[in-house]
Amino acid sequence: MRNGNRASLSLTVVGSNSNIFISAIGAGGGSGVFLSFSLGAEDNMVAIVQNSIEQMR
């Protein structure tokens, strides 16, 4: 998905028997070259993963 900035989401899913470990790490954010500050895009992407997993419980 493209959203006009440099935000990224690294997602790792590891399972063993009935145990599942999910790691979601958001990084990046702002779109400026010199003043590249985050507006929360990475937090929003992690929240989407978290909400999706919580709905599956």
N, C-alpha and C. Protein backbone atom coordinates (compact mmCIF):
# COMPACT_ATOMS: atom_id res chain seq x y z
N MET A 1 0.85 -1.18 0.00
CA MET A 1 0.00 0.00 0.00
C MET A 1 0.90 1.25 0.00
N ARG A 2 0.61 2.19 -0.83
CA ARG A 2 1.38 3.42 -0.87
C ARG A 2 0.58 4.54 -0.21
N ASN A 3 1.29 5.33 0.59
CA ASN A 3 0.61 6.43 1.27
C ASN A 3 1.40 7.73 1.22
N GLY A 4 2.40 7.83 0.35
CA GLY A 4 3.10 9.09 0.14
C GLY A 4 4.16 9.41 1.17
N ASN A 5 4.58 8.47 1.97
CA ASN A 5 5.65 8.73 2.92
C ASN A 5 6.59 7.53 2.98
N ARG A 6 7.50 7.54 3.92
CA ARG A 6 8.47 6.45 4.03
C ARG A 6 8.16 5.52 5.19
N ALA A 7 6.93 5.39 5.56
CA ALA A 7 6.55 4.50 6.64
C ALA A 7 6.68 3.05 6.19
N SER A 8 7.10 2.19 7.12
CA SER A 8 7.20 0.77 6.79
C SER A 8 6.72 -0.05 7.98
N LEU A 9 6.34 -1.27 7.68
CA LEU A 9 5.87 -2.20 8.71
C LEU A 9 6.59 -3.52 8.51
N SER A 10 7.29 -3.96 9.54
CA SER A 10 7.94 -5.28 9.52
C SER A 10 7.09 -6.21 10.37
N LEU A 11 6.64 -7.29 9.76
CA LEU A 11 5.75 -8.22 10.43
C LEU A 11 6.40 -9.61 10.45
N THR A 12 6.51 -10.19 11.65
CA THR A 12 7.07 -11.52 11.80
C THR A 12 6.04 -12.39 12.52
N VAL A 13 5.77 -13.56 11.96
CA VAL A 13 4.84 -14.51 12.57
C VAL A 13 5.56 -15.84 12.71
N VAL A 14 5.65 -16.34 13.95
CA VAL A 14 6.33 -17.60 14.23
C VAL A 14 5.37 -18.47 15.02
N GLY A 15 5.26 -19.73 14.61
CA GLY A 15 4.36 -20.64 15.31
C GLY A 15 5.02 -21.95 15.66
N SER A 16 4.62 -22.51 16.80
CA SER A 16 5.08 -23.81 17.23
C SER A 16 3.93 -24.46 18.00
N ASN A 17 3.43 -25.57 17.46
CA ASN A 17 2.26 -26.23 18.05
C ASN A 17 1.11 -25.24 18.11
N SER A 18 0.56 -24.99 19.28
CA SER A 18 -0.57 -24.06 19.38
C SER A 18 -0.14 -22.66 19.79
N ASN A 19 1.15 -22.42 19.91
CA ASN A 19 1.67 -21.10 20.27
C ASN A 19 2.03 -20.31 19.02
N ILE A 20 1.61 -19.05 19.00
CA ILE A 20 1.92 -18.16 17.88
C ILE A 20 2.48 -16.86 18.45
N PHE A 21 3.61 -16.42 17.89
CA PHE A 21 4.24 -15.17 18.27
C PHE A 21 4.17 -14.24 17.07
N ILE A 22 3.62 -13.03 17.29
CA ILE A 22 3.50 -12.06 16.22
C ILE A 22 4.19 -10.78 16.66
N SER A 23 5.09 -10.31 15.82
CA SER A 23 5.81 -9.07 16.09
C SER A 23 5.53 -8.10 14.95
N ALA A 24 5.02 -6.92 15.28
CA ALA A 24 4.75 -5.87 14.29
C ALA A 24 5.54 -4.63 14.70
N ILE A 25 6.45 -4.19 13.84
CA ILE A 25 7.29 -3.04 14.14
C ILE A 25 7.10 -2.00 13.04
N GLY A 26 6.62 -0.84 13.44
CA GLY A 26 6.45 0.26 12.50
C GLY A 26 7.65 1.17 12.54
N ALA A 27 8.03 1.71 11.40
CA ALA A 27 9.18 2.62 11.33
C ALA A 27 8.94 3.67 10.26
N GLY A 28 9.79 4.67 10.26
CA GLY A 28 9.70 5.71 9.23
C GLY A 28 8.70 6.76 9.60
N GLY A 29 7.99 7.23 8.64
CA GLY A 29 6.99 8.24 8.90
C GLY A 29 7.04 9.35 7.89
N GLY A 30 7.44 10.53 8.34
CA GLY A 30 7.36 11.76 7.55
C GLY A 30 7.84 11.67 6.12
N SER A 31 7.38 12.61 5.31
CA SER A 31 7.70 12.60 3.89
C SER A 31 8.70 13.68 3.49
N GLY A 32 9.13 14.51 4.41
CA GLY A 32 10.07 15.57 4.07
C GLY A 32 11.50 15.06 3.92
N VAL A 33 12.30 15.80 3.17
CA VAL A 33 13.70 15.41 2.97
C VAL A 33 14.54 15.89 4.15
N PHE A 34 14.38 17.14 4.55
CA PHE A 34 15.20 17.70 5.62
C PHE A 34 14.50 17.63 6.98
N LEU A 35 13.23 17.90 7.01
CA LEU A 35 12.47 17.87 8.26
C LEU A 35 11.57 16.64 8.27
N SER A 36 12.19 15.50 8.36
CA SER A 36 11.44 14.24 8.31
C SER A 36 11.02 13.84 9.72
N PHE A 37 9.81 14.23 10.11
CA PHE A 37 9.31 13.86 11.42
C PHE A 37 8.07 13.02 11.27
N SER A 38 7.79 12.23 12.26
CA SER A 38 6.68 11.30 12.19
C SER A 38 5.36 11.97 12.53
N LEU A 39 4.34 11.61 11.79
CA LEU A 39 2.98 12.07 12.10
C LEU A 39 2.14 10.91 12.64
N GLY A 40 2.80 9.82 13.01
CA GLY A 40 2.10 8.69 13.60
C GLY A 40 1.73 7.58 12.65
N ALA A 41 2.20 7.62 11.40
CA ALA A 41 1.82 6.60 10.42
C ALA A 41 2.26 5.22 10.87
N GLU A 42 3.48 5.11 11.44
CA GLU A 42 3.96 3.80 11.86
C GLU A 42 3.13 3.25 13.03
N ASP A 43 2.71 4.11 13.93
CA ASP A 43 1.86 3.65 15.03
C ASP A 43 0.50 3.18 14.52
N ASN A 44 -0.02 3.87 13.52
CA ASN A 44 -1.31 3.49 12.94
C ASN A 44 -1.24 2.11 12.28
N MET A 45 -0.14 1.84 11.60
CA MET A 45 0.00 0.53 10.93
C MET A 45 0.09 -0.59 11.95
N VAL A 46 0.82 -0.38 13.04
CA VAL A 46 0.92 -1.39 14.10
C VAL A 46 -0.45 -1.58 14.75
N ALA A 47 -1.20 -0.51 14.93
CA ALA A 47 -2.53 -0.61 15.52
C ALA A 47 -3.48 -1.42 14.64
N ILE A 48 -3.34 -1.32 13.33
CA ILE A 48 -4.18 -2.12 12.42
C ILE A 48 -3.92 -3.60 12.63
N VAL A 49 -2.63 -3.97 12.76
CA VAL A 49 -2.28 -5.37 13.01
C VAL A 49 -2.84 -5.82 14.36
N GLN A 50 -2.63 -5.00 15.38
CA GLN A 50 -3.10 -5.33 16.73
C GLN A 50 -4.62 -5.51 16.75
N ASN A 51 -5.36 -4.60 16.15
CA ASN A 51 -6.82 -4.70 16.13
C ASN A 51 -7.28 -5.93 15.37
N SER A 52 -6.61 -6.26 14.29
CA SER A 52 -6.97 -7.45 13.50
C SER A 52 -6.79 -8.73 14.32
N ILE A 53 -5.69 -8.79 15.06
CA ILE A 53 -5.41 -9.98 15.88
C ILE A 53 -6.42 -10.08 17.02
N GLU A 54 -6.73 -8.96 17.64
CA GLU A 54 -7.70 -8.96 18.74
C GLU A 54 -9.08 -9.40 18.27
N GLN A 55 -9.45 -9.08 17.04
CA GLN A 55 -10.76 -9.49 16.51
C GLN A 55 -10.81 -11.00 16.26
N MET A 56 -9.66 -11.61 16.06
CA MET A 56 -9.61 -13.05 15.78
C MET A 56 -9.72 -13.90 17.05
N ARG A 57 -9.51 -13.31 18.19
CA ARG A 57 -9.55 -14.06 19.46
C ARG A 57 -10.91 -14.58 19.76
